[in-house]
């Protein structure tokens, strides 16, 4: 029996523009395509991963070329893309290359932002969905779960996820440096910009105590405040609320400054000079640069945060080199397991044939002798087993030697022919049979 081949067919942000990815996007409301993909001839097991930056089918197949072609056609069906565009905007990873690719995806080395943690959660969700639909089996169970442990090892042994690489997350990390803990702090959102909302979500995740939303339109402020169980005020009430907040994130899109140094100076006296952290992520700026002149007022604009992000991206790239070495090492180890899956049935069949011959010859010989004692019979049985094991040692060692896939196939064919083994014997083998 020849082991199934691992395939990964898909598109991502590196090979396809967003307008192509949009055509393949499977939203949460769409039926998971794995059930249909599983019916493709040659597809033994499959899992579907769909995010805003990638669409991939992970497959274990007995007929790699034809199955890959059919899966690709299924994936792009209805996209309106020509065959040339499908070829241009998609990729196919086979065998060890597929193993390395999935491990890199899980470890966030293939992401738009290296080190981001979301992709691992998305992969786990995709695997769970496939398991619930019974489209994964022993090979993909082992393969995908191994990708989870590789990702964990990368996180444990490198600092790839420790540095802020988005404006919003960088703002939160700076706030933590100033305050130590954010658990008892209150934040004010000025405006309703997407970046300000994202920063607020990061702050909420840090256990922030409360949120106030200030906006020119009170109705919009109320709607946003409800998302974070907060309160809402108009821009006119901004200054009066400053006494009770610790962090302000501003992103209004206004053409002029919305908060001046003279607005904040008297409030700092009322605050007893408690630190006030101001994050201005608006372009043009919302907050008066002179605010930085006030004691215990910390003002950061988007350029300050970009500097932090760029430095941290450089640090992550350095960590990515270490992470890649881990992935490469784990790829080789997993490939050995896959190779073992292919040689195990042959080893099992070889042992079974040798054991059958040994038992047959023992029965024939012992039936002709009437006066041997049990001790003598036992000695003959031990001798026969010992000879069998010694005869099998070199053929099994020969099969276990590492080599290219082509070399492995040639060795398997040779041993099967020499010992007259049926190629499909013992498909339901046990991995422990590899030990000799």
Protein backbone atom coordinates (compact mmCIF):
# COMPACT_ATOMS: atom_id res chain seq x y z
CA UNK A 1 0.00 0.00 0.00
CA UNK A 2 1.23 3.47 -0.85
CA UNK A 3 0.53 6.23 1.68
CA UNK A 4 -1.76 9.06 0.69
CA UNK A 5 -0.24 12.34 -0.48
CA UNK A 6 -0.85 15.63 1.32
CA UNK A 7 -2.03 18.55 -0.83
CA UNK A 8 -2.78 22.19 -0.11
CA UNK A 9 -4.54 24.14 -2.86
CA UNK A 10 -5.45 27.79 -2.41
CA UNK A 11 -4.86 31.51 -2.72
CA UNK A 12 -3.59 34.09 -0.26
CA UNK A 13 -2.63 37.75 0.00
CA UNK A 14 0.80 37.03 -1.47
CA UNK A 15 -0.38 35.64 -4.81
CA UNK A 16 -3.84 37.17 -5.34
CA UNK A 17 -5.20 40.72 -5.04
CA UNK A 18 -8.20 41.38 -2.81
CA UNK A 19 -10.63 41.47 -5.76
CA UNK A 20 -9.68 37.84 -6.53
CA UNK A 21 -9.85 36.73 -2.91
CA UNK A 22 -13.28 38.31 -2.56
CA UNK A 23 -14.60 36.05 -5.32
CA UNK A 24 -13.53 33.00 -3.33
CA UNK A 25 -14.54 34.24 0.12
CA UNK A 26 -16.82 31.93 2.11
CA UNK A 27 -18.65 33.95 4.74
CA UNK A 28 -19.83 32.54 8.03
CA UNK A 29 -23.30 32.08 6.57
CA UNK A 30 -22.12 29.88 3.69
CA UNK A 31 -22.16 26.11 3.86
CA UNK A 32 -18.77 24.64 4.56
CA UNK A 33 -17.53 23.26 1.20
CA UNK A 34 -15.67 20.28 2.70
CA UNK A 35 -18.59 17.89 2.23
CA UNK A 36 -18.66 18.56 -1.52
CA UNK A 37 -14.86 18.46 -1.79
CA UNK A 38 -14.79 15.11 0.04
CA UNK A 39 -16.82 13.58 -2.82
CA UNK A 40 -14.09 14.39 -5.38
CA UNK A 41 -12.48 11.12 -6.59
CA UNK A 42 -9.21 10.42 -4.78
CA UNK A 43 -9.95 12.81 -1.89
CA UNK A 44 -9.70 10.71 1.27
CA UNK A 45 -9.79 13.56 3.83
CA UNK A 46 -10.14 17.35 3.59
CA UNK A 47 -10.34 20.57 5.59
CA UNK A 48 -11.28 24.06 4.37
CA UNK A 49 -9.62 27.24 5.71
CA UNK A 50 -11.20 30.53 4.66
CA UNK A 51 -10.15 33.95 6.00
CA UNK A 52 -10.01 37.47 4.58
CA UNK A 53 -6.41 36.84 3.45
CA UNK A 54 -6.47 33.19 2.37
CA UNK A 55 -8.67 30.40 1.04
CA UNK A 56 -7.13 26.92 1.24
CA UNK A 57 -8.14 23.28 0.94
CA UNK A 58 -6.01 20.82 2.92
CA UNK A 59 -6.37 17.32 1.51
CA UNK A 60 -5.09 13.77 1.85
CA UNK A 61 -5.40 11.99 -1.48
CA UNK A 62 -4.58 8.74 -3.26
CA UNK A 63 -4.42 10.41 -6.68
CA UNK A 64 -2.61 13.70 -6.21
CA UNK A 65 -2.59 15.10 -9.74
CA UNK A 66 -6.20 14.48 -10.78
CA UNK A 67 -7.54 15.28 -7.31
CA UNK A 68 -5.65 18.57 -7.15
CA UNK A 69 -7.00 19.55 -10.54
CA UNK A 70 -10.59 18.77 -9.51
CA UNK A 71 -10.29 20.61 -6.19
CA UNK A 72 -8.89 23.68 -7.91
CA UNK A 73 -11.80 23.65 -10.38
CA UNK A 74 -14.26 23.33 -7.50
CA UNK A 75 -12.60 26.15 -5.57
CA UNK A 76 -12.76 28.58 -8.48
CA UNK A 77 -16.16 27.49 -9.82
CA UNK A 78 -18.34 30.57 -10.33
CA UNK A 79 -15.46 32.99 -9.79
CA UNK A 80 -15.50 34.15 -13.40
CA UNK A 81 -11.73 33.73 -13.68
CA UNK A 82 -10.13 32.24 -16.77
CA UNK A 83 -7.93 29.13 -16.58
CA UNK A 84 -4.87 31.35 -17.01
CA UNK A 85 -5.98 33.54 -14.07
CA UNK A 86 -6.69 30.50 -11.91
CA UNK A 87 -3.17 29.25 -12.61
CA UNK A 88 -1.71 32.69 -11.91
CA UNK A 89 -3.54 33.41 -8.67
CA UNK A 90 -3.45 30.01 -6.97
CA UNK A 91 -0.83 27.64 -5.60
CA UNK A 92 -0.47 23.91 -5.07
CA UNK A 93 1.78 22.44 -2.37
CA UNK A 94 2.44 18.69 -2.43
CA UNK A 95 3.97 16.34 0.14
CA UNK A 96 6.70 17.82 2.32
CA UNK A 97 6.10 21.24 0.75
CA UNK A 98 2.48 21.07 1.98
CA UNK A 99 3.65 20.09 5.46
CA UNK A 100 6.02 23.05 5.61
CA UNK A 101 3.36 25.42 4.29
CA UNK A 102 0.71 24.50 6.89
CA UNK A 103 3.24 24.67 9.72
CA UNK A 104 4.23 28.18 8.53
CA UNK A 105 0.58 29.21 8.33
CA UNK A 106 -0.18 27.98 11.86
CA UNK A 107 2.95 29.67 13.23
CA UNK A 108 1.88 32.95 11.54
CA UNK A 109 4.97 33.06 9.34
CA UNK A 110 2.81 33.24 6.21
CA UNK A 111 0.53 36.01 7.51
CA UNK A 112 0.31 39.58 6.30
CA UNK A 113 1.49 40.60 9.79
CA UNK A 114 4.07 38.07 10.96
CA UNK A 115 3.36 36.83 14.45
CA UNK A 116 -0.34 37.75 14.58
CA UNK A 117 -2.27 35.18 16.66
CA UNK A 118 -5.61 35.19 14.83
CA UNK A 119 -4.69 32.66 12.12
CA UNK A 120 -4.12 29.84 14.61
CA UNK A 121 -7.60 30.35 16.03
CA UNK A 122 -9.05 30.38 12.51
CA UNK A 123 -7.24 27.13 11.67
CA UNK A 124 -8.54 25.49 14.84
CA UNK A 125 -12.06 26.59 13.95
CA UNK A 126 -11.69 25.18 10.42
CA UNK A 127 -10.42 21.85 11.79
CA UNK A 128 -13.28 21.63 14.28
CA UNK A 129 -15.81 22.24 11.49
CA UNK A 130 -14.23 19.52 9.32
CA UNK A 131 -14.18 17.09 12.26
CA UNK A 132 -17.86 17.73 12.95
CA UNK A 133 -18.62 16.98 9.27
CA UNK A 134 -16.43 13.84 9.40
CA UNK A 135 -14.19 14.92 6.51
CA UNK A 136 -10.92 14.47 8.42
CA UNK A 137 -9.41 11.13 9.38
CA UNK A 138 -6.16 9.74 10.81
CA UNK A 139 -3.82 11.56 8.42
CA UNK A 140 -5.28 15.07 8.65
CA UNK A 141 -6.03 14.64 12.36
CA UNK A 142 -2.34 14.01 12.92
CA UNK A 143 -1.22 16.67 10.40
CA UNK A 144 -3.39 19.57 11.55
CA UNK A 145 -2.96 18.86 15.26
CA UNK A 146 0.79 18.74 14.68
CA UNK A 147 0.55 22.23 13.14
CA UNK A 148 -1.02 23.43 16.41
CA UNK A 149 1.86 22.06 18.47
CA UNK A 150 4.40 23.56 16.05
CA UNK A 151 2.73 26.97 16.46
CA UNK A 152 2.84 26.55 20.25
CA UNK A 153 6.52 25.67 20.12
CA UNK A 154 7.23 28.76 17.98
CA UNK A 155 5.38 30.98 20.49
CA UNK A 156 7.19 29.37 23.41
CA UNK A 157 10.72 29.40 22.01
CA UNK A 158 10.67 32.75 20.17
CA UNK A 159 9.38 36.28 20.80
CA UNK A 160 7.59 36.46 17.47
CA UNK A 161 4.31 37.60 19.02
CA UNK A 162 5.62 39.90 21.74
CA UNK A 163 6.04 43.19 19.87
CA UNK A 164 3.23 45.48 18.69
CA UNK A 165 2.92 45.61 14.93
CA UNK A 166 -0.36 47.50 14.49
CA UNK A 167 -1.05 51.14 15.36
CA UNK A 168 -3.87 50.22 17.74
CA UNK A 169 -1.96 47.48 19.52
CA UNK A 170 1.13 49.69 19.76
CA UNK A 171 -1.00 52.30 21.52
CA UNK A 172 -2.15 49.75 24.07
CA UNK A 173 1.39 48.55 24.70
CA UNK A 174 2.52 52.15 25.32
CA UNK A 175 -0.37 52.64 27.74
CA UNK A 176 0.68 49.53 29.65
CA UNK A 177 4.24 50.87 29.91
CA UNK A 178 2.96 54.09 31.45
CA UNK A 179 0.34 52.63 33.81
CA UNK A 180 1.69 49.14 34.43
CA UNK A 181 -1.79 47.62 34.60
CA UNK A 182 -4.89 48.83 32.79
CA UNK A 183 -7.38 46.90 34.90
CA UNK A 184 -8.63 49.94 36.83
CA UNK A 185 -8.29 52.55 34.06
CA UNK A 186 -11.01 54.36 32.08
CA UNK A 187 -10.69 55.26 28.39
CA UNK A 188 -12.35 57.94 26.27
CA UNK A 189 -12.90 57.54 22.54
CA UNK A 190 -13.07 60.85 20.69
CA UNK A 191 -14.76 60.24 17.36
CA UNK A 192 -15.77 56.87 15.96
CA UNK A 193 -12.88 55.97 13.68
CA UNK A 194 -12.12 52.33 12.94
CA UNK A 195 -8.60 52.54 14.37
CA UNK A 196 -9.89 54.11 17.59
CA UNK A 197 -12.49 51.34 17.91
CA UNK A 198 -9.83 48.68 17.36
CA UNK A 199 -7.62 50.26 20.02
CA UNK A 200 -10.58 50.27 22.39
CA UNK A 201 -11.12 46.56 21.72
CA UNK A 202 -7.48 45.90 22.63
CA UNK A 203 -7.97 47.95 25.82
CA UNK A 204 -11.16 46.07 26.69
CA UNK A 205 -9.21 42.83 26.29
CA UNK A 206 -6.76 44.18 28.87
CA UNK A 207 -9.61 44.53 31.38
CA UNK A 208 -10.11 48.29 31.13
CA UNK A 209 -12.57 49.58 33.77
CA UNK A 210 -14.83 51.74 31.59
CA UNK A 211 -15.36 53.58 28.29
CA UNK A 212 -16.67 57.05 27.42
CA UNK A 213 -17.42 57.97 23.79
CA UNK A 214 -17.34 61.61 22.70
CA UNK A 215 -18.62 62.40 19.21
CA UNK A 216 -20.03 65.35 17.30
CA UNK A 217 -23.24 63.34 16.75
CA UNK A 218 -24.59 62.11 20.09
CA UNK A 219 -26.63 59.29 18.51
CA UNK A 220 -23.52 57.77 16.95
CA UNK A 221 -21.67 58.16 20.25
CA UNK A 222 -24.46 56.30 22.03
CA UNK A 223 -24.39 53.45 19.49
CA UNK A 224 -20.62 53.01 19.86
CA UNK A 225 -20.70 53.32 23.65
CA UNK A 226 -23.24 50.50 23.83
CA UNK A 227 -20.72 48.17 22.13
CA UNK A 228 -18.34 48.63 25.07
CA UNK A 229 -20.98 49.04 27.82
CA UNK A 230 -19.89 52.66 28.15
CA UNK A 231 -21.37 56.16 28.30
CA UNK A 232 -21.68 58.82 25.60
CA UNK A 233 -21.13 62.61 25.46
CA UNK A 234 -20.95 65.25 22.73
CA UNK A 235 -17.65 66.90 21.78
CA UNK A 236 -18.72 69.90 23.81
CA UNK A 237 -18.69 67.73 26.93
CA UNK A 238 -15.26 66.27 26.20
CA UNK A 239 -13.21 68.50 28.51
CA UNK A 240 -15.45 67.99 31.51
CA UNK A 241 -15.11 64.20 31.18
CA UNK A 242 -11.30 64.32 31.15
CA UNK A 243 -11.18 64.53 34.92
CA UNK A 244 -12.46 60.96 35.18
CA UNK A 245 -10.51 59.16 32.42
CA UNK A 246 -6.93 57.92 32.19
CA UNK A 247 -6.58 57.30 28.44
CA UNK A 248 -7.96 59.26 25.49
CA UNK A 249 -7.91 57.92 21.91
CA UNK A 250 -8.81 60.48 19.27
CA UNK A 251 -9.74 59.87 15.62
CA UNK A 252 -12.39 62.37 14.51
CA UNK A 253 -11.48 63.33 10.95
CA UNK A 254 -11.95 66.98 11.93
CA UNK A 255 -10.08 69.66 9.97
CA UNK A 256 -8.81 71.42 13.12
CA UNK A 257 -7.69 70.59 16.67
CA UNK A 258 -10.43 69.39 19.01
CA UNK A 259 -8.46 69.55 22.28
CA UNK A 260 -6.05 72.35 23.24
CA UNK A 261 -3.40 72.68 25.91
CA UNK A 262 -5.41 75.39 27.67
CA UNK A 263 -8.42 73.04 27.84
CA UNK A 264 -6.45 70.41 29.71
CA UNK A 265 -4.20 72.51 31.98
CA UNK A 266 -6.87 73.34 34.61
CA UNK A 267 -8.18 69.78 34.51
CA UNK A 268 -4.76 68.41 35.49
CA UNK A 269 -4.97 70.37 38.71
CA UNK A 270 -8.38 68.85 39.40
CA UNK A 271 -6.93 65.42 38.62
CA UNK A 272 -4.19 65.97 41.23
CA UNK A 273 -1.72 65.42 38.36
CA UNK A 274 -2.76 61.79 37.81
CA UNK A 275 -1.17 60.67 34.51
CA UNK A 276 -3.22 61.27 31.35
CA UNK A 277 -2.33 59.27 28.26
CA UNK A 278 -3.41 60.83 24.94
CA UNK A 279 -3.30 58.89 21.65
CA UNK A 280 -3.90 60.93 18.51
CA UNK A 281 -4.37 58.63 15.52
CA UNK A 282 -6.16 61.22 13.39
CA UNK A 283 -4.81 62.71 10.16
CA UNK A 284 -4.84 65.72 10.36
CA UNK A 285 -4.16 65.73 14.11
CA UNK A 286 -6.91 66.22 16.68
CA UNK A 287 -4.78 67.05 19.71
CA UNK A 288 -2.66 70.12 20.35
CA UNK A 289 1.06 69.14 20.19
CA UNK A 290 1.69 71.57 23.09
CA UNK A 291 -0.17 69.16 25.38
CA UNK A 292 3.14 67.35 25.73
CA UNK A 293 4.43 70.40 27.67
CA UNK A 294 2.11 69.61 30.59
CA UNK A 295 3.41 67.51 33.48
CA UNK A 296 2.03 63.97 33.60
CA UNK A 297 0.41 64.34 30.16
CA UNK A 298 1.72 61.84 27.61
CA UNK A 299 0.79 62.60 24.00
CA UNK A 300 1.55 60.23 21.13
CA UNK A 301 0.53 60.89 17.54
CA UNK A 302 0.33 58.38 14.70
CA UNK A 303 3.93 59.01 13.63
CA UNK A 304 5.19 58.13 17.11
CA UNK A 305 3.24 54.90 16.97
CA UNK A 306 4.44 54.11 13.45
CA UNK A 307 8.02 54.34 14.68
CA UNK A 308 7.20 51.80 17.39
CA UNK A 309 5.52 49.54 14.84
CA UNK A 310 8.44 49.66 12.38
CA UNK A 311 10.97 48.85 15.10
CA UNK A 312 8.82 45.99 16.29
CA UNK A 313 8.31 44.67 12.74
CA UNK A 314 12.09 44.50 12.43
CA UNK A 315 12.27 42.59 15.73
CA UNK A 316 9.58 40.19 14.57
CA UNK A 317 11.41 39.55 11.32
CA UNK A 318 14.50 38.57 13.32
CA UNK A 319 12.38 36.21 15.42
CA UNK A 320 10.86 34.83 12.21
CA UNK A 321 14.26 33.42 11.26
CA UNK A 322 14.32 31.39 14.48
CA UNK A 323 10.70 30.37 13.97
CA UNK A 324 11.46 29.20 10.41
CA UNK A 325 14.21 26.94 11.69
CA UNK A 326 11.74 25.36 14.13
CA UNK A 327 9.21 24.86 11.33
CA UNK A 328 11.82 23.26 9.07
CA UNK A 329 12.88 20.89 11.84
CA UNK A 330 9.29 19.90 12.61
CA UNK A 331 8.59 19.44 8.89
CA UNK A 332 11.37 16.86 8.61
CA UNK A 333 10.14 15.03 11.71
CA UNK A 334 6.56 14.90 10.43
CA UNK A 335 7.71 13.74 7.00
CA UNK A 336 9.43 10.82 8.70
CA UNK A 337 6.10 9.91 10.30
CA UNK A 338 4.44 10.05 6.87
CA UNK A 339 7.19 7.90 5.40
CA UNK A 340 6.62 5.45 8.24
CA UNK A 341 2.94 5.25 7.33
CA UNK A 342 3.98 4.08 3.86
CA UNK A 343 6.54 1.48 4.89
CA UNK A 344 4.61 0.12 7.89
CA UNK A 345 2.16 -2.02 5.87
CA UNK A 346 5.08 -3.64 4.02
CA UNK A 347 6.92 -4.34 7.28
CA UNK A 348 3.74 -5.79 8.81
CA UNK A 349 3.15 -7.98 5.76
CA UNK A 350 6.78 -9.11 5.78
CA UNK A 351 6.60 -10.09 9.46
CA UNK A 352 3.29 -11.88 8.98
CA UNK A 353 4.59 -13.89 6.04
CA UNK A 354 7.75 -14.85 7.94
CA UNK A 355 5.70 -15.83 11.03
CA UNK A 356 3.32 -17.95 8.93
CA UNK A 357 6.25 -19.79 7.33
CA UNK A 358 7.88 -20.30 10.74
CA UNK A 359 4.69 -21.71 12.29
CA UNK A 360 4.01 -23.93 9.29
CA UNK A 361 7.49 -25.43 9.27
CA UNK A 362 7.48 -25.89 13.06
CA UNK A 363 4.16 -27.73 12.94
CA UNK A 364 5.36 -29.97 10.11
CA UNK A 365 8.66 -30.77 11.85
CA UNK A 366 7.24 -31.26 15.36
CA UNK A 367 4.45 -33.53 14.07
CA UNK A 368 7.10 -36.01 12.89
CA UNK A 369 8.80 -36.25 16.31
CA UNK A 370 6.99 -38.06 19.11
CA UNK A 371 9.49 -38.26 21.99
CA UNK A 372 10.68 -34.62 22.38
CA UNK A 373 10.19 -33.09 25.80
CA UNK A 374 8.38 -29.73 26.26
CA UNK A 375 11.73 -28.15 27.05
CA UNK A 376 13.20 -29.36 23.77
CA UNK A 377 10.14 -28.20 21.81
CA UNK A 378 10.43 -24.76 23.45
CA UNK A 379 14.10 -24.55 22.48
CA UNK A 380 13.26 -25.36 18.85
CA UNK A 381 10.54 -22.67 18.81
CA UNK A 382 12.95 -20.08 20.25
CA UNK A 383 15.59 -21.06 17.68
CA UNK A 384 13.10 -20.69 14.80
CA UNK A 385 11.92 -17.28 16.06
CA UNK A 386 15.51 -16.10 16.45
CA UNK A 387 16.43 -17.15 12.90
CA UNK A 388 13.30 -15.40 11.55
CA UNK A 389 14.10 -12.15 13.36
CA UNK A 390 17.71 -12.16 12.18
CA UNK A 391 16.64 -12.82 8.60
CA UNK A 392 14.16 -9.92 8.75
CA UNK A 393 16.55 -7.44 10.36
CA UNK A 394 18.35 -6.28 7.20
CA UNK A 395 15.27 -6.02 4.91
CA UNK A 396 13.44 -3.96 7.58
CA UNK A 397 16.50 -1.75 8.19
CA UNK A 398 16.74 -1.29 4.41
CA UNK A 399 13.11 -0.11 4.29
CA UNK A 400 13.59 2.30 7.19
CA UNK A 401 16.58 4.07 5.68
CA UNK A 402 15.68 7.66 4.78
CA UNK A 403 15.59 8.65 1.14
CA UNK A 404 13.70 10.64 -1.43
CA UNK A 405 10.06 9.72 -2.16
CA UNK A 406 11.19 8.08 -5.42
CA UNK A 407 13.85 6.03 -3.59
CA UNK A 408 11.28 4.98 -0.96
CA UNK A 409 8.87 3.81 -3.66
CA UNK A 410 11.61 1.80 -5.43
CA UNK A 411 12.64 0.15 -2.16
CA UNK A 412 9.06 -0.78 -1.31
CA UNK A 413 8.48 -2.26 -4.77
CA UNK A 414 11.72 -4.24 -4.56
CA UNK A 415 10.96 -5.77 -1.15
CA UNK A 416 7.37 -6.59 -2.14
CA UNK A 417 8.56 -8.38 -5.29
CA UNK A 418 11.42 -10.25 -3.60
CA UNK A 419 9.15 -11.54 -0.81
CA UNK A 420 6.01 -11.85 -3.00
CA UNK A 421 3.96 -9.48 -0.82
CA UNK A 422 0.57 -8.25 -1.97
CA UNK A 423 0.75 -4.44 -2.36
CA UNK A 424 -2.48 -3.73 -0.45
CA UNK A 425 -2.02 -5.95 2.57
CA UNK A 426 -2.55 -4.57 6.10
CA UNK A 427 -4.03 -1.20 5.26
CA UNK A 428 -5.32 -0.94 8.78
CA UNK A 429 -1.87 -1.14 10.30
CA UNK A 430 -0.71 0.04 13.68
CA UNK A 431 2.11 2.61 13.79
CA UNK A 432 3.78 0.65 16.60
CA UNK A 433 4.58 -2.14 14.12
CA UNK A 434 7.45 0.02 12.87
CA UNK A 435 9.58 -1.02 15.82
CA UNK A 436 11.74 -4.06 15.27
